[in-house]
Amino acid sequence: MNTAQISTDGTHQIVIIPEDFKMSGTKVYIKKVGGAIVLIAKDAPWQSLFDSLEQFSDDFMTTREQPPLDVRETF
């Protein structure tokens, strides 16, 4: 796992991101998820989702079991 260096400038923390993790643009969205901090390129916020779709195997959810449909009265 790679590491990044953290510095402090007054009340701000600065994270030095390694070159392999270089992001496009000049701004990012930032979100804290539990103990992790997620940075998402502001100029392409959906790109990480699109890239992740290619990582599913061909048999992903082929044996997914659906519950029976609820029988509901009509309006």
PDB file of N, CA and C in Angstrom:
ATOM      1  N   MET A   1       0.854  -1.169   0.000  1.00  0.00           N
ATOM      2  CA  MET A   1       0.000   0.000   0.000  1.00  0.00           C
ATOM      3  C   MET A   1       0.901   1.233   0.000  1.00  0.00           C
ATOM      4  N   ASN A   2       0.532   2.200  -0.798  1.00  0.00           N
ATOM      5  CA  ASN A   2       1.279   3.455  -0.863  1.00  0.00           C
ATOM      6  C   ASN A   2       0.939   4.341   0.329  1.00  0.00           C
ATOM      7  N   THR A   3       1.809   5.288   0.593  1.00  0.00           N
ATOM      8  CA  THR A   3       1.569   6.238   1.671  1.00  0.00           C
ATOM      9  C   THR A   3       1.694   7.656   1.135  1.00  0.00           C
ATOM     10  N   ALA A   4       1.111   8.592   1.855  1.00  0.00           N
ATOM     11  CA  ALA A   4       1.211  10.011   1.517  1.00  0.00           C
ATOM     12  C   ALA A   4       1.686  10.745   2.761  1.00  0.00           C
ATOM     13  N   GLN A   5       2.342  11.854   2.549  1.00  0.00           N
ATOM     14  CA  GLN A   5       2.855  12.649   3.659  1.00  0.00           C
ATOM     15  C   GLN A   5       1.826  13.708   4.039  1.00  0.00           C
ATOM     16  N   ILE A   6       1.671  13.934   5.343  1.00  0.00           N
ATOM     17  CA  ILE A   6       0.746  14.951   5.847  1.00  0.00           C
ATOM     18  C   ILE A   6       1.553  16.047   6.533  1.00  0.00           C
ATOM     19  N   SER A   7       1.270  17.295   6.173  1.00  0.00           N
ATOM     20  CA  SER A   7       1.891  18.459   6.811  1.00  0.00           C
ATOM     21  C   SER A   7       0.787  19.329   7.391  1.00  0.00           C
ATOM     22  N   THR A   8       1.150  20.230   8.276  1.00  0.00           N
ATOM     23  CA  THR A   8       0.189  21.158   8.863  1.00  0.00           C
ATOM     24  C   THR A   8       0.604  22.581   8.534  1.00  0.00           C
ATOM     25  N   ASP A   9      -0.384  23.386   8.107  1.00  0.00           N
ATOM     26  CA  ASP A   9      -0.158  24.796   7.803  1.00  0.00           C
ATOM     27  C   ASP A   9      -1.217  25.589   8.561  1.00  0.00           C
ATOM     28  N   GLY A  10      -0.878  26.045   9.740  1.00  0.00           N
ATOM     29  CA  GLY A  10      -1.872  26.732  10.567  1.00  0.00           C
ATOM     30  C   GLY A  10      -2.925  25.746  11.025  1.00  0.00           C
ATOM     31  N   THR A  11      -4.173  25.981  10.632  1.00  0.00           N
ATOM     32  CA  THR A  11      -5.265  25.083  11.016  1.00  0.00           C
ATOM     33  C   THR A  11      -5.607  24.081   9.920  1.00  0.00           C
ATOM     34  N   HIS A  12      -4.859  24.088   8.818  1.00  0.00           N
ATOM     35  CA  HIS A  12      -5.129  23.192   7.695  1.00  0.00           C
ATOM     36  C   HIS A  12      -4.117  22.055   7.656  1.00  0.00           C
ATOM     37  N   GLN A  13      -4.568  20.902   7.194  1.00  0.00           N
ATOM     38  CA  GLN A  13      -3.653  19.803   6.919  1.00  0.00           C
ATOM     39  C   GLN A  13      -3.448  19.739   5.419  1.00  0.00           C
ATOM     40  N   ILE A  14      -2.229  19.430   5.017  1.00  0.00           N
ATOM     41  CA  ILE A  14      -1.885  19.319   3.604  1.00  0.00           C
ATOM     42  C   ILE A  14      -1.412  17.895   3.364  1.00  0.00           C
ATOM     43  N   VAL A  15      -1.998  17.233   2.375  1.00  0.00           N
ATOM     44  CA  VAL A  15      -1.601  15.875   2.030  1.00  0.00           C
ATOM     45  C   VAL A  15      -0.811  15.933   0.732  1.00  0.00           C
ATOM     46  N   ILE A  16       0.403  15.415   0.755  1.00  0.00           N
ATOM     47  CA  ILE A  16       1.239  15.351  -0.441  1.00  0.00           C
ATOM     48  C   ILE A  16       0.944  14.015  -1.109  1.00  0.00           C
ATOM     49  N   ILE A  17       0.280  14.066  -2.252  1.00  0.00           N
ATOM     50  CA  ILE A  17      -0.145  12.852  -2.953  1.00  0.00           C
ATOM     51  C   ILE A  17       0.967  12.405  -3.896  1.00  0.00           C
ATOM     52  N   PRO A  18       1.330  11.109  -3.873  1.00  0.00           N
ATOM     53  CA  PRO A  18       2.369  10.613  -4.782  1.00  0.00           C
ATOM     54  C   PRO A  18       1.977  10.816  -6.246  1.00  0.00           C
ATOM     55  N   GLU A  19       2.973  10.929  -7.107  1.00  0.00           N
ATOM     56  CA  GLU A  19       2.751  11.186  -8.532  1.00  0.00           C
ATOM     57  C   GLU A  19       1.846  10.140  -9.178  1.00  0.00           C
ATOM     58  N   ASP A  20       1.939   8.880  -8.733  1.00  0.00           N
ATOM     59  CA  ASP A  20       1.097   7.814  -9.300  1.00  0.00           C
ATOM     60  C   ASP A  20      -0.392   8.072  -9.079  1.00  0.00           C
ATOM     61  N   PHE A  21      -0.727   8.938  -8.147  1.00  0.00           N
ATOM     62  CA  PHE A  21      -2.117   9.228  -7.814  1.00  0.00           C
ATOM     63  C   PHE A  21      -2.548  10.608  -8.304  1.00  0.00           C
ATOM     64  N   LYS A  22      -1.799  11.173  -9.216  1.00  0.00           N
ATOM     65  CA  LYS A  22      -2.085  12.520  -9.718  1.00  0.00           C
ATOM     66  C   LYS A  22      -3.517  12.593 -10.256  1.00  0.00           C
ATOM     67  N   MET A  23      -4.219  13.650  -9.888  1.00  0.00           N
ATOM     68  CA  MET A  23      -5.607  13.832 -10.300  1.00  0.00           C
ATOM     69  C   MET A  23      -5.699  14.970 -11.305  1.00  0.00           C
ATOM     70  N   SER A  24      -6.724  14.907 -12.146  1.00  0.00           N
ATOM     71  CA  SER A  24      -6.935  15.969 -13.127  1.00  0.00           C
ATOM     72  C   SER A  24      -7.629  17.152 -12.455  1.00  0.00           C
ATOM     73  N   GLY A  25      -7.540  18.303 -13.083  1.00  0.00           N
ATOM     74  CA  GLY A  25      -8.234  19.485 -12.579  1.00  0.00           C
ATOM     75  C   GLY A  25      -7.508  20.141 -11.416  1.00  0.00           C
ATOM     76  N   THR A  26      -8.167  21.140 -10.832  1.00  0.00           N
ATOM     77  CA  THR A  26      -7.574  21.888  -9.720  1.00  0.00           C
ATOM     78  C   THR A  26      -8.390  21.774  -8.436  1.00  0.00           C
ATOM     79  N   LYS A  27      -9.557  21.125  -8.502  1.00  0.00           N
ATOM     80  CA  LYS A  27     -10.399  20.951  -7.316  1.00  0.00           C
ATOM     81  C   LYS A  27     -10.908  19.519  -7.255  1.00  0.00           C
ATOM     82  N   VAL A  28     -11.199  19.069  -6.030  1.00  0.00           N
ATOM     83  CA  VAL A  28     -11.751  17.737  -5.817  1.00  0.00           C
ATOM     84  C   VAL A  28     -12.925  17.833  -4.852  1.00  0.00           C
ATOM     85  N   TYR A  29     -13.817  16.850  -4.945  1.00  0.00           N
ATOM     86  CA  TYR A  29     -14.817  16.668  -3.902  1.00  0.00           C
ATOM     87  C   TYR A  29     -14.141  15.849  -2.814  1.00  0.00           C
ATOM     88  N   ILE A  30     -14.461  16.106  -1.553  1.00  0.00           N
ATOM     89  CA  ILE A  30     -13.863  15.371  -0.444  1.00  0.00           C
ATOM     90  C   ILE A  30     -14.977  14.877   0.462  1.00  0.00           C
ATOM     91  N   LYS A  31     -14.851  13.618   0.911  1.00  0.00           N
ATOM     92  CA  LYS A  31     -15.866  13.027   1.778  1.00  0.00           C
ATOM     93  C   LYS A  31     -15.171  12.121   2.777  1.00  0.00           C
ATOM     94  N   LYS A  32     -15.607  12.199   4.015  1.00  0.00           N
ATOM     95  CA  LYS A  32     -15.080  11.310   5.037  1.00  0.00           C
ATOM     96  C   LYS A  32     -16.035  10.135   5.175  1.00  0.00           C
ATOM     97  N   VAL A  33     -15.503   8.916   5.051  1.00  0.00           N
ATOM     98  CA  VAL A  33     -16.293   7.694   5.171  1.00  0.00           C
ATOM     99  C   VAL A  33     -15.639   6.859   6.268  1.00  0.00           C
ATOM    100  N   GLY A  34     -16.216   6.878   7.448  1.00  0.00           N
ATOM    101  CA  GLY A  34     -15.594   6.184   8.579  1.00  0.00           C
ATOM    102  C   GLY A  34     -14.231   6.799   8.856  1.00  0.00           C
ATOM    103  N   GLY A  35     -13.186   5.970   8.823  1.00  0.00           N
ATOM    104  CA  GLY A  35     -11.832   6.452   9.047  1.00  0.00           C
ATOM    105  C   GLY A  35     -11.094   6.784   7.775  1.00  0.00           C
ATOM    106  N   ALA A  36     -11.787   6.787   6.635  1.00  0.00           N
ATOM    107  CA  ALA A  36     -11.148   7.052   5.340  1.00  0.00           C
ATOM    108  C   ALA A  36     -11.589   8.406   4.797  1.00  0.00           C
ATOM    109  N   ILE A  37     -10.719   9.006   3.999  1.00  0.00           N
ATOM    110  CA  ILE A  37     -11.049  10.242   3.296  1.00  0.00           C
ATOM    111  C   ILE A  37     -11.008   9.933   1.809  1.00  0.00           C
ATOM    112  N   VAL A  38     -12.096  10.244   1.111  1.00  0.00           N
ATOM    113  CA  VAL A  38     -12.209   9.953  -0.313  1.00  0.00           C
ATOM    114  C   VAL A  38     -12.127  11.261  -1.088  1.00  0.00           C
ATOM    115  N   LEU A  39     -11.254  11.304  -2.095  1.00  0.00           N
ATOM    116  CA  LEU A  39     -11.135  12.457  -2.990  1.00  0.00           C
ATOM    117  C   LEU A  39     -11.660  12.045  -4.355  1.00  0.00           C
ATOM    118  N   ILE A  40     -12.529  12.866  -4.946  1.00  0.00           N
ATOM    119  CA  ILE A  40     -13.102  12.581  -6.262  1.00  0.00           C
ATOM    120  C   ILE A  40     -12.861  13.794  -7.144  1.00  0.00           C
ATOM    121  N   ALA A  41     -12.291  13.567  -8.323  1.00  0.00           N
ATOM    122  CA  ALA A  41     -12.000  14.667  -9.245  1.00  0.00           C
ATOM    123  C   ALA A  41     -13.286  15.423  -9.555  1.00  0.00           C
ATOM    124  N   LYS A  42     -13.278  16.728  -9.357  1.00  0.00           N
ATOM    125  CA  LYS A  42     -14.485  17.537  -9.557  1.00  0.00           C
ATOM    126  C   LYS A  42     -14.861  17.625 -11.030  1.00  0.00           C
ATOM    127  N   ASP A  43     -13.877  17.531 -11.923  1.00  0.00           N
ATOM    128  CA  ASP A  43     -14.178  17.642 -13.349  1.00  0.00           C
ATOM    129  C   ASP A  43     -14.685  16.333 -13.953  1.00  0.00           C
ATOM    130  N   ALA A  44     -14.637  15.216 -13.208  1.00  0.00           N
ATOM    131  CA  ALA A  44     -15.144  13.934 -13.710  1.00  0.00           C
ATOM    132  C   ALA A  44     -15.626  13.086 -12.530  1.00  0.00           C
ATOM    133  N   PRO A  45     -16.656  13.530 -11.810  1.00  0.00           N
ATOM    134  CA  PRO A  45     -17.045  12.846 -10.577  1.00  0.00           C
ATOM    135  C   PRO A  45     -17.571  11.427 -10.764  1.00  0.00           C
ATOM    136  N   TRP A  46     -18.089  11.098 -11.927  1.00  0.00           N
ATOM    137  CA  TRP A  46     -18.646   9.764 -12.159  1.00  0.00           C
ATOM    138  C   TRP A  46     -17.626   8.793 -12.742  1.00  0.00           C
ATOM    139  N   GLN A  47     -16.440   9.265 -13.104  1.00  0.00           N
ATOM    140  CA  GLN A  47     -15.473   8.416 -13.795  1.00  0.00           C
ATOM    141  C   GLN A  47     -15.063   7.204 -12.963  1.00  0.00           C
ATOM    142  N   SER A  48     -14.895   7.357 -11.660  1.00  0.00           N
ATOM    143  CA  SER A  48     -14.496   6.214 -10.832  1.00  0.00           C
ATOM    144  C   SER A  48     -15.573   5.131 -10.837  1.00  0.00           C
ATOM    145  N   LEU A  49     -16.837   5.517 -10.898  1.00  0.00           N
ATOM    146  CA  LEU A  49     -17.910   4.527 -11.001  1.00  0.00           C
ATOM    147  C   LEU A  49     -17.819   3.792 -12.329  1.00  0.00           C
ATOM    148  N   PHE A  50     -17.685   4.527 -13.425  1.00  0.00           N
ATOM    149  CA  PHE A  50     -17.595   3.890 -14.738  1.00  0.00           C
ATOM    150  C   PHE A  50     -16.394   2.953 -14.809  1.00  0.00           C
ATOM    151  N   ASP A  51     -15.260   3.362 -14.257  1.00  0.00           N
ATOM    152  CA  ASP A  51     -14.064   2.519 -14.262  1.00  0.00           C
ATOM    153  C   ASP A  51     -14.269   1.255 -13.438  1.00  0.00           C
ATOM    154  N   SER A  52     -15.016   1.345 -12.348  1.00  0.00           N
ATOM    155  CA  SER A  52     -15.213   0.183 -11.481  1.00  0.00           C
ATOM    156  C   SER A  52     -16.121  -0.868 -12.115  1.00  0.00           C
ATOM    157  N   LEU A  53     -16.979  -0.483 -13.044  1.00  0.00           N
ATOM    158  CA  LEU A  53     -17.882  -1.444 -13.678  1.00  0.00           C
ATOM    159  C   LEU A  53     -17.125  -2.526 -14.426  1.00  0.00           C
ATOM    160  N   GLU A  54     -15.950  -2.206 -14.937  1.00  0.00           N
ATOM    161  CA  GLU A  54     -15.144  -3.177 -15.676  1.00  0.00           C
ATOM    162  C   GLU A  54     -14.489  -4.200 -14.753  1.00  0.00           C
ATOM    163  N   GLN A  55     -14.527  -3.999 -13.456  1.00  0.00           N
ATOM    164  CA  GLN A  55     -13.866  -4.900 -12.520  1.00  0.00           C
ATOM    165  C   GLN A  55     -14.761  -6.051 -12.068  1.00  0.00           C
ATOM    166  N   PHE A  56     -16.027  -6.054 -12.443  1.00  0.00           N
ATOM    167  CA  PHE A  56     -16.910  -7.162 -12.099  1.00  0.00           C
ATOM    168  C   PHE A  56     -16.636  -8.337 -13.025  1.00  0.00           C
ATOM    169  N   SER A  57     -16.699  -9.549 -12.485  1.00  0.00           N
ATOM    170  CA  SER A  57     -16.506 -10.740 -13.313  1.00  0.00           C
ATOM    171  C   SER A  57     -17.759 -10.968 -14.159  1.00  0.00           C
ATOM    172  N   ASP A  58     -17.599 -11.757 -15.233  1.00  0.00           N
ATOM    173  CA  ASP A  58     -18.723 -12.016 -16.139  1.00  0.00           C
ATOM    174  C   ASP A  58     -19.866 -12.748 -15.445  1.00  0.00           C
ATOM    175  N   ASP A  59     -19.552 -13.527 -14.405  1.00  0.00           N
ATOM    176  CA  ASP A  59     -20.598 -14.286 -13.724  1.00  0.00           C
ATOM    177  C   ASP A  59     -21.166 -13.560 -12.498  1.00  0.00           C
ATOM    178  N   PHE A  60     -20.885 -12.274 -12.393  1.00  0.00           N
ATOM    179  CA  PHE A  60     -21.383 -11.513 -11.250  1.00  0.00           C
ATOM    180  C   PHE A  60     -22.903 -11.540 -11.218  1.00  0.00           C
ATOM    181  N   MET A  61     -23.441 -12.005 -10.133  1.00  0.00           N
ATOM    182  CA  MET A  61     -24.879 -12.070  -9.856  1.00  0.00           C
ATOM    183  C   MET A  61     -25.675 -12.916 -10.846  1.00  0.00           C
ATOM    184  N   THR A  62     -25.038 -13.902 -11.492  1.00  0.00           N
ATOM    185  CA  THR A  62     -25.800 -14.774 -12.390  1.00  0.00           C
ATOM    186  C   THR A  62     -26.723 -15.696 -11.604  1.00  0.00           C
ATOM    187  N   THR A  63     -26.375 -15.984 -10.362  1.00  0.00           N
ATOM    188  CA  THR A  63     -27.212 -16.864  -9.544  1.00  0.00           C
ATOM    189  C   THR A  63     -27.960 -16.080  -8.472  1.00  0.00           C
ATOM    190  N   ARG A  64     -28.222 -14.843  -8.752  1.00  0.00           N
ATOM    191  CA  ARG A  64     -28.929 -14.004  -7.784  1.00  0.00           C
ATOM    192  C   ARG A  64     -30.331 -14.545  -7.562  1.00  0.00           C
ATOM    193  N   GLU A  65     -30.688 -14.726  -6.306  1.00  0.00           N
ATOM    194  CA  GLU A  65     -32.009 -15.248  -5.980  1.00  0.00           C
ATOM    195  C   GLU A  65     -32.936 -14.096  -5.633  1.00  0.00           C
ATOM    196  N   GLN A  66     -34.000 -13.990  -6.381  1.00  0.00           N
ATOM    197  CA  GLN A  66     -34.989 -12.939  -6.162  1.00  0.00           C
ATOM    198  C   GLN A  66     -36.065 -13.452  -5.207  1.00  0.00           C
ATOM    199  N   PRO A  67     -36.524 -12.640  -4.282  1.00  0.00           N
ATOM    200  CA  PRO A  67     -37.652 -13.052  -3.441  1.00  0.00           C
ATOM    201  C   PRO A  67     -38.928 -13.077  -4.284  1.00  0.00           C
ATOM    202  N   PRO A  68     -39.930 -13.817  -3.832  1.00  0.00           N
ATOM    203  CA  PRO A  68     -41.186 -13.833  -4.600  1.00  0.00           C
ATOM    204  C   PRO A  68     -41.813 -12.439  -4.637  1.00  0.00           C
ATOM    205  N   LEU A  69     -42.530 -12.159  -5.711  1.00  0.00           N
ATOM    206  CA  LEU A  69     -43.190 -10.861  -5.849  1.00  0.00           C
ATOM    207  C   LEU A  69     -44.329 -10.742  -4.846  1.00  0.00           C
ATOM    208  N   ASP A  70     -44.468  -9.572  -4.283  1.00  0.00           N
ATOM    209  CA  ASP A  70     -45.584  -9.315  -3.380  1.00  0.00           C
ATOM    210  C   ASP A  70     -46.866  -9.199  -4.195  1.00  0.00           C
ATOM    211  N   VAL A  71     -47.928  -9.767  -3.684  1.00  0.00           N
ATOM    212  CA  VAL A  71     -49.232  -9.607  -4.312  1.00  0.00           C
ATOM    213  C   VAL A  71     -49.906  -8.437  -3.608  1.00  0.00           C
ATOM    214  N   ARG A  72     -50.194  -7.402  -4.374  1.00  0.00           N
ATOM    215  CA  ARG A  72     -50.789  -6.199  -3.796  1.00  0.00           C
ATOM    216  C   ARG A  72     -52.113  -5.899  -4.477  1.00  0.00           C
ATOM    217  N   GLU A  73     -52.987  -5.273  -3.725  1.00  0.00           N
ATOM    218  CA  GLU A  73     -54.258  -4.891  -4.331  1.00  0.00           C
ATOM    219  C   GLU A  73     -54.039  -3.702  -5.261  1.00  0.00           C
ATOM    220  N   THR A  74     -54.824  -3.640  -6.305  1.00  0.00           N
ATOM    221  CA  THR A  74     -54.697  -2.547  -7.265  1.00  0.00           C
ATOM    222  C   THR A  74     -55.441  -1.325  -6.753  1.00  0.00           C
ATOM    223  N   PHE A  75     -55.051  -0.183  -7.276  1.00  0.00           N
ATOM    224  CA  PHE A  75     -55.708   1.068  -6.883  1.00  0.00           C
ATOM    225  C   PHE A  75     -57.051   1.191  -7.521  1.00  0.00           C
TER     226      PHE A  75
END
